Amino acid sequence: MANTNMSVYENIYAIVRQIPSGKVATYGQIADLAALYGRARMIGYALYRVDTRSLNIPWHRVVNAQGEISHSPRRHGTDYQQRLLLEAEGIKFSSEGKINLRDYQWQSRLAQDL
């Protein structure tokens, strides 16, 4: 079973690596692209396992469906790091802490095949 999860996680990471700088995707969007329909939380679990110091997998470019960073005490301060990384890529946040998905959401070529 562990190998199956690793294979699924590697597929998730391959999709997340395609998100270009200055764009974001939602957990649900990544789930759909990975054929994990309705399993957005699984995307969160997979990204939680990524070493946040490495940008090999741009985990910081995945946000929730409201265009917000999903805050969690388990992330030990990476919520703040995520915002800083996104702002460094030119992504603007509203005064409510939201990203305008119309402006910044990544449109994958894979999505056209769904």
C-alpha atoms as a PDB file:
ATOM      1  CA  MET A   1       0.000   0.000   0.000  1.00  0.00           C
ATOM      2  CA  ALA A   2       2.840   2.417   0.766  1.00  0.00           C
ATOM      3  CA  ASN A   3       4.188   2.016  -2.772  1.00  0.00           C
ATOM      4  CA  THR A   4       0.755   2.840  -4.162  1.00  0.00           C
ATOM      5  CA  ASN A   5       0.619   6.082  -2.144  1.00  0.00           C
ATOM      6  CA  MET A   6       4.136   6.985  -3.266  1.00  0.00           C
ATOM      7  CA  SER A   7       3.135   6.427  -6.876  1.00  0.00           C
ATOM      8  CA  VAL A   8       0.045   8.598  -6.405  1.00  0.00           C
ATOM      9  CA  TYR A   9       2.119  11.261  -4.645  1.00  0.00           C
ATOM     10  CA  GLU A  10       4.711  11.244  -7.442  1.00  0.00           C
ATOM     11  CA  ASN A  11       1.893  11.842  -9.942  1.00  0.00           C
ATOM     12  CA  ILE A  12       0.636  14.748  -7.825  1.00  0.00           C
ATOM     13  CA  TYR A  13       4.152  16.207  -7.611  1.00  0.00           C
ATOM     14  CA  ALA A  14       4.616  15.897 -11.387  1.00  0.00           C
ATOM     15  CA  ILE A  15       1.454  17.951 -11.926  1.00  0.00           C
ATOM     16  CA  VAL A  16       2.395  20.563  -9.312  1.00  0.00           C
ATOM     17  CA  ARG A  17       5.816  20.973 -10.964  1.00  0.00           C
ATOM     18  CA  GLN A  18       4.013  22.207 -14.091  1.00  0.00           C
ATOM     19  CA  ILE A  19       2.470  25.241 -12.360  1.00  0.00           C
ATOM     20  CA  PRO A  20       4.484  28.211 -13.616  1.00  0.00           C
ATOM     21  CA  SER A  21       5.848  30.969 -11.455  1.00  0.00           C
ATOM     22  CA  GLY A  22       3.241  33.672 -10.873  1.00  0.00           C
ATOM     23  CA  LYS A  23       0.320  31.232 -11.103  1.00  0.00           C
ATOM     24  CA  VAL A  24      -1.559  29.091  -8.590  1.00  0.00           C
ATOM     25  CA  ALA A  25      -3.757  26.020  -8.723  1.00  0.00           C
ATOM     26  CA  THR A  26      -6.323  24.786  -6.249  1.00  0.00           C
ATOM     27  CA  TYR A  27      -6.192  21.509  -4.363  1.00  0.00           C
ATOM     28  CA  GLY A  28      -9.328  20.405  -6.206  1.00  0.00           C
ATOM     29  CA  GLN A  29      -7.860  21.333  -9.566  1.00  0.00           C
ATOM     30  CA  ILE A  30      -4.760  19.222  -8.877  1.00  0.00           C
ATOM     31  CA  ALA A  31      -6.974  16.357  -7.668  1.00  0.00           C
ATOM     32  CA  ASP A  32      -8.950  16.458 -10.912  1.00  0.00           C
ATOM     33  CA  LEU A  33      -5.786  16.561 -13.039  1.00  0.00           C
ATOM     34  CA  ALA A  34      -4.444  13.557 -11.092  1.00  0.00           C
ATOM     35  CA  ALA A  35      -7.737  11.653 -11.639  1.00  0.00           C
ATOM     36  CA  LEU A  36      -8.395  11.832  -7.891  1.00  0.00           C
ATOM     37  CA  TYR A  37     -11.795  13.466  -8.274  1.00  0.00           C
ATOM     38  CA  GLY A  38     -13.188  14.807  -5.005  1.00  0.00           C
ATOM     39  CA  ARG A  39      -9.968  14.050  -3.127  1.00  0.00           C
ATOM     40  CA  ALA A  40      -8.547  17.542  -2.661  1.00  0.00           C
ATOM     41  CA  ARG A  41      -7.470  16.682   0.877  1.00  0.00           C
ATOM     42  CA  MET A  42      -5.197  13.987  -0.475  1.00  0.00           C
ATOM     43  CA  ILE A  43      -3.384  16.697  -2.418  1.00  0.00           C
ATOM     44  CA  GLY A  44      -2.931  18.598   0.828  1.00  0.00           C
ATOM     45  CA  TYR A  45      -1.525  15.502   2.526  1.00  0.00           C
ATOM     46  CA  ALA A  46       0.912  14.915  -0.331  1.00  0.00           C
ATOM     47  CA  LEU A  47       2.111  18.527  -0.313  1.00  0.00           C
ATOM     48  CA  TYR A  48       2.451  18.486   3.481  1.00  0.00           C
ATOM     49  CA  ARG A  49       5.112  15.798   3.023  1.00  0.00           C
ATOM     50  CA  VAL A  50       7.232  18.003   0.729  1.00  0.00           C
ATOM     51  CA  ASP A  51      10.334  19.592   2.213  1.00  0.00           C
ATOM     52  CA  THR A  52       9.209  23.221   2.208  1.00  0.00           C
ATOM     53  CA  ARG A  53      12.786  24.450   1.812  1.00  0.00           C
ATOM     54  CA  SER A  54      12.953  22.860  -1.620  1.00  0.00           C
ATOM     55  CA  LEU A  55      11.319  24.495  -4.608  1.00  0.00           C
ATOM     56  CA  ASN A  56      11.802  21.335  -6.678  1.00  0.00           C
ATOM     57  CA  ILE A  57       8.094  20.846  -6.014  1.00  0.00           C
ATOM     58  CA  PRO A  58       6.459  24.293  -5.903  1.00  0.00           C
ATOM     59  CA  TRP A  59       4.043  23.346  -3.108  1.00  0.00           C
ATOM     60  CA  HIS A  60       3.462  27.010  -2.358  1.00  0.00           C
ATOM     61  CA  ARG A  61       1.553  27.470  -5.644  1.00  0.00           C
ATOM     62  CA  VAL A  62      -1.395  25.368  -4.454  1.00  0.00           C
ATOM     63  CA  VAL A  63      -4.163  27.152  -2.557  1.00  0.00           C
ATOM     64  CA  ASN A  64      -7.735  26.410  -1.570  1.00  0.00           C
ATOM     65  CA  ALA A  65     -10.773  26.935  -3.795  1.00  0.00           C
ATOM     66  CA  GLN A  66     -11.410  30.373  -2.276  1.00  0.00           C
ATOM     67  CA  GLY A  67      -7.956  31.574  -3.349  1.00  0.00           C
ATOM     68  CA  GLU A  68      -6.633  31.449   0.192  1.00  0.00           C
ATOM     69  CA  ILE A  69      -3.707  29.810   1.887  1.00  0.00           C
ATOM     70  CA  SER A  70      -5.061  26.919   3.949  1.00  0.00           C
ATOM     71  CA  HIS A  71      -3.824  27.659   7.437  1.00  0.00           C
ATOM     72  CA  SER A  72      -2.921  24.845   9.781  1.00  0.00           C
ATOM     73  CA  PRO A  73      -1.032  24.739  13.077  1.00  0.00           C
ATOM     74  CA  ARG A  74       0.628  21.538  11.806  1.00  0.00           C
ATOM     75  CA  ARG A  75       2.469  23.509   9.134  1.00  0.00           C
ATOM     76  CA  HIS A  76       4.698  25.209  11.728  1.00  0.00           C
ATOM     77  CA  GLY A  77       4.821  28.649  10.119  1.00  0.00           C
ATOM     78  CA  THR A  78       4.908  27.624   6.475  1.00  0.00           C
ATOM     79  CA  ASP A  79       1.628  29.487   5.914  1.00  0.00           C
ATOM     80  CA  TYR A  80       3.589  32.725   6.227  1.00  0.00           C
ATOM     81  CA  GLN A  81       6.398  31.302   4.067  1.00  0.00           C
ATOM     82  CA  GLN A  82       3.851  30.333   1.402  1.00  0.00           C
ATOM     83  CA  ARG A  83       2.528  33.873   1.186  1.00  0.00           C
ATOM     84  CA  LEU A  84       6.042  35.324   0.965  1.00  0.00           C
ATOM     85  CA  LEU A  85       6.977  32.936  -1.852  1.00  0.00           C
ATOM     86  CA  LEU A  86       3.803  33.764  -3.786  1.00  0.00           C
ATOM     87  CA  GLU A  87       4.282  37.506  -3.332  1.00  0.00           C
ATOM     88  CA  ALA A  88       7.888  37.150  -4.530  1.00  0.00           C
ATOM     89  CA  GLU A  89       6.461  35.672  -7.752  1.00  0.00           C
ATOM     90  CA  GLY A  90       4.248  38.744  -8.217  1.00  0.00           C
ATOM     91  CA  ILE A  91       0.999  37.297  -6.892  1.00  0.00           C
ATOM     92  CA  LYS A  92      -1.126  39.927  -5.150  1.00  0.00           C
ATOM     93  CA  PHE A  93      -3.350  39.262  -2.157  1.00  0.00           C
ATOM     94  CA  SER A  94      -6.487  41.235  -1.334  1.00  0.00           C
ATOM     95  CA  SER A  95      -6.849  42.911   2.046  1.00  0.00           C
ATOM     96  CA  GLU A  96      -8.806  39.787   3.089  1.00  0.00           C
ATOM     97  CA  GLY A  97      -5.818  37.575   2.228  1.00  0.00           C
ATOM     98  CA  LYS A  98      -7.284  36.145  -0.973  1.00  0.00           C
ATOM     99  CA  ILE A  99      -5.785  35.629  -4.409  1.00  0.00           C
ATOM    100  CA  ASN A 100      -7.973  36.533  -7.367  1.00  0.00           C
ATOM    101  CA  LEU A 101      -8.177  33.167  -9.118  1.00  0.00           C
ATOM    102  CA  ARG A 102      -9.438  34.780 -12.331  1.00  0.00           C
ATOM    103  CA  ASP A 103      -6.108  36.579 -12.589  1.00  0.00           C
ATOM    104  CA  TYR A 104      -3.710  34.004 -11.194  1.00  0.00           C
ATOM    105  CA  GLN A 105      -5.173  30.511 -11.628  1.00  0.00           C
ATOM    106  CA  TRP A 106      -3.102  28.248 -13.831  1.00  0.00           C
ATOM    107  CA  GLN A 107      -4.894  26.818 -16.841  1.00  0.00           C
ATOM    108  CA  SER A 108      -3.274  23.484 -17.535  1.00  0.00           C
ATOM    109  CA  ARG A 109      -3.282  21.965 -20.989  1.00  0.00           C
ATOM    110  CA  LEU A 110      -4.140  18.719 -19.176  1.00  0.00           C
ATOM    111  CA  ALA A 111      -7.410  20.299 -18.056  1.00  0.00           C
ATOM    112  CA  GLN A 112      -8.542  20.533 -21.668  1.00  0.00           C
ATOM    113  CA  ASP A 113      -8.409  16.747 -21.852  1.00  0.00           C
ATOM    114  CA  LEU A 114     -10.669  16.225 -18.817  1.00  0.00           C
END
